[in-house]
Amino acid sequence: MKAQAFSYIRGELETNTPWYPPDPEFLNAWRDEFFAIEGVDHYTYWLCGAVLESWPTQDVDILITGSVIDYQHLEHVMVNAMRLGFKHRQLIDIAWNDYYKKYLERGRCERRAICCDHYYQHGWCSLEHCTAQARQIETIVVGNEIIKNGLEITPPDPYAVRLSKYLWKIQMDSPSERQIQRMLEGKVYTQSPIILRPDLDFKDYVNWP
């Protein structure tokens, strides 16, 4: 029987090449090409999420902070980050969110990789603080719908605002329902996000055989 063709569609961006779980050698090759993108040094890039915790994951989460020059420039950076990921058989999940900048600089709290409001203000927090009612944070993402192998993984957000061919502005819950559930189950983040620089060696951060 012929194997089903792979497809991944994220808005206007798509690939037919499946990726591997995060691999530091592939990611180092991706890093070299990513930092060669024109204008990439305008922003700060934060490596965060499951990959730093050595949790099973298929993608690498990168958060961008810094003022937006214009949406075409931001689109150029974000779309090329993902395309280079496809080239190196890695799924780069990249988003812009400047609201988080001060929290990222403060460091993680007791349970969250990006500290909660109470920790940011007082230097300590409880489970109640970390799981407090989510606030909606303006975030810019690539695509407003994700379809993998014909199945809708992420449905379109009816309230999303299209900014360019590839970019959409959404309101993201922070913390997300998934993050709240993890914390209630006792699963906490132990690693703070780190700044992604041209000399960062993914072998120091990504668990691999």
C-alpha atoms as a PDB file:
ATOM      1  CA  MET A   1       0.000   0.000   0.000  1.00  0.00           C
ATOM      2  CA  LYS A   2       1.309   3.425  -0.941  1.00  0.00           C
ATOM      3  CA  ALA A   3       2.087   5.638   2.044  1.00  0.00           C
ATOM      4  CA  GLN A   4      -0.087   8.705   2.440  1.00  0.00           C
ATOM      5  CA  ALA A   5       1.601  11.890   1.285  1.00  0.00           C
ATOM      6  CA  PHE A   6       2.540  14.258   4.093  1.00  0.00           C
ATOM      7  CA  SER A   7       1.121  17.767   4.100  1.00  0.00           C
ATOM      8  CA  TYR A   8       1.245  20.654   6.541  1.00  0.00           C
ATOM      9  CA  ILE A   9      -0.620  23.849   5.769  1.00  0.00           C
ATOM     10  CA  ARG A  10      -0.411  26.897   7.998  1.00  0.00           C
ATOM     11  CA  GLY A  11      -2.357  29.699   6.403  1.00  0.00           C
ATOM     12  CA  GLU A  12      -0.537  30.537   3.164  1.00  0.00           C
ATOM     13  CA  LEU A  13       2.557  28.561   4.203  1.00  0.00           C
ATOM     14  CA  GLU A  14       2.847  24.849   3.473  1.00  0.00           C
ATOM     15  CA  THR A  15       5.260  21.952   3.158  1.00  0.00           C
ATOM     16  CA  ASN A  16       5.134  18.337   2.025  1.00  0.00           C
ATOM     17  CA  THR A  17       8.323  17.402   3.872  1.00  0.00           C
ATOM     18  CA  PRO A  18       7.811  15.800   7.300  1.00  0.00           C
ATOM     19  CA  TRP A  19      10.040  16.970  10.127  1.00  0.00           C
ATOM     20  CA  TYR A  20      11.965  15.224  12.870  1.00  0.00           C
ATOM     21  CA  PRO A  21      11.637  15.905  16.603  1.00  0.00           C
ATOM     22  CA  PRO A  22      13.975  18.711  17.727  1.00  0.00           C
ATOM     23  CA  ASP A  23      17.524  17.768  16.752  1.00  0.00           C
ATOM     24  CA  PRO A  24      20.406  20.009  17.881  1.00  0.00           C
ATOM     25  CA  GLU A  25      22.556  19.418  14.803  1.00  0.00           C
ATOM     26  CA  PHE A  26      19.718  20.317  12.453  1.00  0.00           C
ATOM     27  CA  LEU A  27      18.828  23.282  14.669  1.00  0.00           C
ATOM     28  CA  ASN A  28      22.402  24.572  14.633  1.00  0.00           C
ATOM     29  CA  ALA A  29      22.316  24.470  10.829  1.00  0.00           C
ATOM     30  CA  TRP A  30      18.976  26.290  10.931  1.00  0.00           C
ATOM     31  CA  ARG A  31      20.414  28.889  13.340  1.00  0.00           C
ATOM     32  CA  ASP A  32      23.290  29.730  10.992  1.00  0.00           C
ATOM     33  CA  GLU A  33      20.935  30.449   8.101  1.00  0.00           C
ATOM     34  CA  PHE A  34      18.359  32.195  10.261  1.00  0.00           C
ATOM     35  CA  PHE A  35      20.812  34.787  11.551  1.00  0.00           C
ATOM     36  CA  ALA A  36      21.880  35.523   7.981  1.00  0.00           C
ATOM     37  CA  ILE A  37      18.387  36.873   7.209  1.00  0.00           C
ATOM     38  CA  GLU A  38      18.476  40.587   6.464  1.00  0.00           C
ATOM     39  CA  GLY A  39      17.208  42.674   9.373  1.00  0.00           C
ATOM     40  CA  VAL A  40      16.938  39.724  11.755  1.00  0.00           C
ATOM     41  CA  ASP A  41      19.017  41.519  14.388  1.00  0.00           C
ATOM     42  CA  HIS A  42      16.256  44.087  15.002  1.00  0.00           C
ATOM     43  CA  TYR A  43      14.423  41.672  17.301  1.00  0.00           C
ATOM     44  CA  THR A  44      15.194  39.511  20.323  1.00  0.00           C
ATOM     45  CA  TYR A  45      14.414  35.793  20.048  1.00  0.00           C
ATOM     46  CA  TRP A  46      13.566  33.641  23.047  1.00  0.00           C
ATOM     47  CA  LEU A  47      13.855  29.858  22.978  1.00  0.00           C
ATOM     48  CA  CYS A  48      11.171  28.470  25.263  1.00  0.00           C
ATOM     49  CA  GLY A  49       8.666  25.709  25.867  1.00  0.00           C
ATOM     50  CA  ALA A  50       8.769  21.936  25.980  1.00  0.00           C
ATOM     51  CA  VAL A  51      12.084  21.574  24.167  1.00  0.00           C
ATOM     52  CA  LEU A  52      13.933  23.145  27.125  1.00  0.00           C
ATOM     53  CA  GLU A  53      12.130  20.863  29.572  1.00  0.00           C
ATOM     54  CA  SER A  54      13.081  17.702  27.634  1.00  0.00           C
ATOM     55  CA  TRP A  55       9.379  16.934  27.286  1.00  0.00           C
ATOM     56  CA  PRO A  56       8.283  14.971  24.201  1.00  0.00           C
ATOM     57  CA  THR A  57       7.575  17.529  21.485  1.00  0.00           C
ATOM     58  CA  GLN A  58       7.540  17.901  17.738  1.00  0.00           C
ATOM     59  CA  ASP A  59       8.335  21.609  17.531  1.00  0.00           C
ATOM     60  CA  VAL A  60      10.642  24.322  18.777  1.00  0.00           C
ATOM     61  CA  ASP A  61       8.929  27.358  20.310  1.00  0.00           C
ATOM     62  CA  ILE A  62      10.481  30.755  19.642  1.00  0.00           C
ATOM     63  CA  LEU A  63       9.033  34.013  20.932  1.00  0.00           C
ATOM     64  CA  ILE A  64       9.984  37.341  19.348  1.00  0.00           C
ATOM     65  CA  THR A  65      10.102  40.592  21.310  1.00  0.00           C
ATOM     66  CA  GLY A  66      10.911  44.084  20.082  1.00  0.00           C
ATOM     67  CA  SER A  67       9.072  46.893  18.338  1.00  0.00           C
ATOM     68  CA  VAL A  68       7.672  46.084  14.914  1.00  0.00           C
ATOM     69  CA  ILE A  69       9.292  48.093  12.101  1.00  0.00           C
ATOM     70  CA  ASP A  70       6.480  47.128   9.775  1.00  0.00           C
ATOM     71  CA  TYR A  71       4.489  43.969   9.205  1.00  0.00           C
ATOM     72  CA  GLN A  72       6.273  43.108   5.959  1.00  0.00           C
ATOM     73  CA  HIS A  73       9.612  43.091   7.758  1.00  0.00           C
ATOM     74  CA  LEU A  74       8.273  40.968  10.609  1.00  0.00           C
ATOM     75  CA  GLU A  75       6.651  38.637   8.082  1.00  0.00           C
ATOM     76  CA  HIS A  76       9.984  38.285   6.275  1.00  0.00           C
ATOM     77  CA  VAL A  77      11.669  37.166   9.494  1.00  0.00           C
ATOM     78  CA  MET A  78       8.928  34.842  10.741  1.00  0.00           C
ATOM     79  CA  VAL A  79       8.108  33.148   7.444  1.00  0.00           C
ATOM     80  CA  ASN A  80      11.763  32.572   6.614  1.00  0.00           C
ATOM     81  CA  ALA A  81      12.330  31.153  10.101  1.00  0.00           C
ATOM     82  CA  MET A  82       9.655  28.550   9.395  1.00  0.00           C
ATOM     83  CA  ARG A  83      10.782  27.870   5.824  1.00  0.00           C
ATOM     84  CA  LEU A  84      14.354  27.324   6.950  1.00  0.00           C
ATOM     85  CA  GLY A  85      12.958  24.993   9.580  1.00  0.00           C
ATOM     86  CA  PHE A  86      11.228  22.964   6.873  1.00  0.00           C
ATOM     87  CA  LYS A  87      14.508  22.902   4.939  1.00  0.00           C
ATOM     88  CA  HIS A  88      16.305  21.426   7.948  1.00  0.00           C
ATOM     89  CA  ARG A  89      13.441  19.062   8.839  1.00  0.00           C
ATOM     90  CA  GLN A  90      12.476  20.984  11.991  1.00  0.00           C
ATOM     91  CA  LEU A  91       9.163  22.582  12.930  1.00  0.00           C
ATOM     92  CA  ILE A  92       9.817  26.119  14.160  1.00  0.00           C
ATOM     93  CA  ASP A  93       6.770  27.549  15.940  1.00  0.00           C
ATOM     94  CA  ILE A  94       7.510  31.263  16.023  1.00  0.00           C
ATOM     95  CA  ALA A  95       5.346  34.125  17.281  1.00  0.00           C
ATOM     96  CA  TRP A  96       5.750  37.804  18.151  1.00  0.00           C
ATOM     97  CA  ASN A  97       4.620  39.089  21.537  1.00  0.00           C
ATOM     98  CA  ASP A  98       6.277  42.191  22.941  1.00  0.00           C
ATOM     99  CA  TYR A  99       4.033  42.244  26.025  1.00  0.00           C
ATOM    100  CA  TYR A 100       6.025  39.338  27.445  1.00  0.00           C
ATOM    101  CA  LYS A 101       9.373  41.143  27.244  1.00  0.00           C
ATOM    102  CA  LYS A 102       9.477  42.383  30.847  1.00  0.00           C
ATOM    103  CA  TYR A 103       8.299  38.993  32.138  1.00  0.00           C
ATOM    104  CA  LEU A 104      10.918  37.146  30.113  1.00  0.00           C
ATOM    105  CA  GLU A 105      13.619  39.409  31.500  1.00  0.00           C
ATOM    106  CA  ARG A 106      12.344  38.773  35.057  1.00  0.00           C
ATOM    107  CA  GLY A 107      12.742  35.006  34.633  1.00  0.00           C
ATOM    108  CA  ARG A 108      10.508  32.065  35.450  1.00  0.00           C
ATOM    109  CA  CYS A 109       8.390  31.769  38.572  1.00  0.00           C
ATOM    110  CA  GLU A 110       7.580  28.690  40.660  1.00  0.00           C
ATOM    111  CA  ARG A 111       5.522  26.993  37.958  1.00  0.00           C
ATOM    112  CA  ARG A 112       5.637  28.993  34.738  1.00  0.00           C
ATOM    113  CA  ALA A 113       8.508  29.537  32.326  1.00  0.00           C
ATOM    114  CA  ILE A 114       7.253  33.085  31.779  1.00  0.00           C
ATOM    115  CA  CYS A 115       6.515  34.316  35.286  1.00  0.00           C
ATOM    116  CA  CYS A 116       3.022  35.149  36.501  1.00  0.00           C
ATOM    117  CA  ASP A 117       1.963  38.693  37.395  1.00  0.00           C
ATOM    118  CA  HIS A 118       2.234  38.141  41.144  1.00  0.00           C
ATOM    119  CA  TYR A 119       5.797  36.843  40.890  1.00  0.00           C
ATOM    120  CA  TYR A 120       6.744  39.722  38.609  1.00  0.00           C
ATOM    121  CA  GLN A 121       5.483  42.236  41.160  1.00  0.00           C
ATOM    122  CA  HIS A 122       6.402  40.545  44.448  1.00  0.00           C
ATOM    123  CA  GLY A 123       9.063  37.919  43.743  1.00  0.00           C
ATOM    124  CA  TRP A 124       6.977  34.977  44.948  1.00  0.00           C
ATOM    125  CA  CYS A 125       3.778  33.187  43.944  1.00  0.00           C
ATOM    126  CA  SER A 126       1.425  30.332  44.757  1.00  0.00           C
ATOM    127  CA  LEU A 127      -0.489  27.892  42.582  1.00  0.00           C
ATOM    128  CA  GLU A 128      -3.484  30.209  42.851  1.00  0.00           C
ATOM    129  CA  HIS A 129      -1.464  33.098  41.447  1.00  0.00           C
ATOM    130  CA  CYS A 130      -0.048  31.044  38.581  1.00  0.00           C
ATOM    131  CA  THR A 131      -3.446  29.691  37.545  1.00  0.00           C
ATOM    132  CA  ALA A 132      -5.344  32.964  37.983  1.00  0.00           C
ATOM    133  CA  GLN A 133      -7.872  33.926  35.346  1.00  0.00           C
ATOM    134  CA  ALA A 134      -6.141  34.194  32.013  1.00  0.00           C
ATOM    135  CA  ARG A 135      -5.679  37.541  30.367  1.00  0.00           C
ATOM    136  CA  GLN A 136      -5.736  37.982  26.614  1.00  0.00           C
ATOM    137  CA  ILE A 137      -2.419  38.988  25.119  1.00  0.00           C
ATOM    138  CA  GLU A 138      -1.998  40.378  21.609  1.00  0.00           C
ATOM    139  CA  THR A 139       0.157  37.985  19.614  1.00  0.00           C
ATOM    140  CA  ILE A 140       1.218  37.814  15.965  1.00  0.00           C
ATOM    141  CA  VAL A 141       1.403  34.379  14.362  1.00  0.00           C
ATOM    142  CA  VAL A 142       1.924  32.806  10.953  1.00  0.00           C
ATOM    143  CA  GLY A 143      -1.420  31.606   9.615  1.00  0.00           C
ATOM    144  CA  ASN A 144      -4.865  31.528  11.180  1.00  0.00           C
ATOM    145  CA  GLU A 145      -5.487  27.825  10.612  1.00  0.00           C
ATOM    146  CA  ILE A 146      -3.317  24.706  10.720  1.00  0.00           C
ATOM    147  CA  ILE A 147      -4.105  21.599   8.683  1.00  0.00           C
ATOM    148  CA  LYS A 148      -1.894  18.514   8.897  1.00  0.00           C
ATOM    149  CA  ASN A 149      -2.443  15.566   6.584  1.00  0.00           C
ATOM    150  CA  GLY A 150      -5.922  16.823   5.788  1.00  0.00           C
ATOM    151  CA  LEU A 151      -6.964  17.187   9.437  1.00  0.00           C
ATOM    152  CA  GLU A 152      -7.654  20.551  11.023  1.00  0.00           C
ATOM    153  CA  ILE A 153      -5.245  20.863  13.957  1.00  0.00           C
ATOM    154  CA  THR A 154      -5.969  24.488  14.787  1.00  0.00           C
ATOM    155  CA  PRO A 155      -9.295  25.937  13.606  1.00  0.00           C
ATOM    156  CA  PRO A 156      -9.407  29.509  12.312  1.00  0.00           C
ATOM    157  CA  ASP A 157      -9.903  32.167  14.959  1.00  0.00           C
ATOM    158  CA  PRO A 158     -12.985  34.175  13.912  1.00  0.00           C
ATOM    159  CA  TYR A 159     -11.649  37.214  15.756  1.00  0.00           C
ATOM    160  CA  ALA A 160      -8.167  37.167  14.206  1.00  0.00           C
ATOM    161  CA  VAL A 161      -7.061  40.199  12.207  1.00  0.00           C
ATOM    162  CA  ARG A 162      -5.083  39.685   9.027  1.00  0.00           C
ATOM    163  CA  LEU A 163      -1.984  41.890   8.910  1.00  0.00           C
ATOM    164  CA  SER A 164      -0.321  40.656   5.717  1.00  0.00           C
ATOM    165  CA  LYS A 165      -0.319  37.664   3.403  1.00  0.00           C
ATOM    166  CA  TYR A 166       1.033  35.365   6.123  1.00  0.00           C
ATOM    167  CA  LEU A 167       0.638  37.173   9.455  1.00  0.00           C
ATOM    168  CA  TRP A 168      -2.379  37.331  11.738  1.00  0.00           C
ATOM    169  CA  LYS A 169      -2.970  39.130  15.021  1.00  0.00           C
ATOM    170  CA  ILE A 170      -4.770  37.059  17.627  1.00  0.00           C
ATOM    171  CA  GLN A 171      -5.679  37.400  21.296  1.00  0.00           C
ATOM    172  CA  MET A 172      -3.932  34.598  23.164  1.00  0.00           C
ATOM    173  CA  ASP A 173      -4.936  33.426  26.632  1.00  0.00           C
ATOM    174  CA  SER A 174      -2.109  33.569  29.164  1.00  0.00           C
ATOM    175  CA  PRO A 175      -1.852  31.136  30.785  1.00  0.00           C
ATOM    176  CA  SER A 176      -3.502  28.809  28.290  1.00  0.00           C
ATOM    177  CA  GLU A 177      -5.980  26.138  29.370  1.00  0.00           C
ATOM    178  CA  ARG A 178      -3.337  23.511  28.652  1.00  0.00           C
ATOM    179  CA  GLN A 179      -0.790  25.284  30.843  1.00  0.00           C
ATOM    180  CA  ILE A 180      -3.294  25.644  33.677  1.00  0.00           C
ATOM    181  CA  GLN A 181      -4.162  21.950  33.488  1.00  0.00           C
ATOM    182  CA  ARG A 182      -0.484  21.020  33.620  1.00  0.00           C
ATOM    183  CA  MET A 183       0.063  23.123  36.730  1.00  0.00           C
ATOM    184  CA  LEU A 184      -3.010  21.681  38.453  1.00  0.00           C
ATOM    185  CA  GLU A 185      -1.588  18.220  37.747  1.00  0.00           C
ATOM    186  CA  GLY A 186       1.698  19.237  39.352  1.00  0.00           C
ATOM    187  CA  LYS A 187       3.683  19.536  36.131  1.00  0.00           C
ATOM    188  CA  VAL A 188       5.719  22.725  36.264  1.00  0.00           C
ATOM    189  CA  TYR A 189       8.265  24.449  34.081  1.00  0.00           C
ATOM    190  CA  THR A 190      11.777  24.302  35.508  1.00  0.00           C
ATOM    191  CA  GLN A 191      13.693  26.122  32.765  1.00  0.00           C
ATOM    192  CA  SER A 192      13.590  29.817  31.949  1.00  0.00           C
ATOM    193  CA  PRO A 193      13.425  30.896  28.310  1.00  0.00           C
ATOM    194  CA  ILE A 194      16.841  31.752  26.902  1.00  0.00           C
ATOM    195  CA  ILE A 195      17.840  34.321  24.323  1.00  0.00           C
ATOM    196  CA  LEU A 196      18.639  32.775  20.976  1.00  0.00           C
ATOM    197  CA  ARG A 197      21.905  34.211  19.664  1.00  0.00           C
ATOM    198  CA  PRO A 198      24.108  33.342  16.663  1.00  0.00           C
ATOM    199  CA  ASP A 199      26.581  31.532  18.935  1.00  0.00           C
ATOM    200  CA  LEU A 200      24.007  29.485  20.863  1.00  0.00           C
ATOM    201  CA  ASP A 201      24.743  25.763  20.609  1.00  0.00           C
ATOM    202  CA  PHE A 202      21.508  23.791  20.629  1.00  0.00           C
ATOM    203  CA  LYS A 203      23.451  20.770  21.887  1.00  0.00           C
ATOM    204  CA  ASP A 204      23.645  22.529  25.259  1.00  0.00           C
ATOM    205  CA  TYR A 205      19.867  22.821  25.545  1.00  0.00           C
ATOM    206  CA  VAL A 206      18.122  20.179  23.463  1.00  0.00           C
ATOM    207  CA  ASN A 207      18.003  16.650  24.829  1.00  0.00           C
ATOM    208  CA  TRP A 208      19.241  14.184  22.238  1.00  0.00           C
ATOM    209  CA  PRO A 209      20.613  10.618  22.157  1.00  0.00           C
END
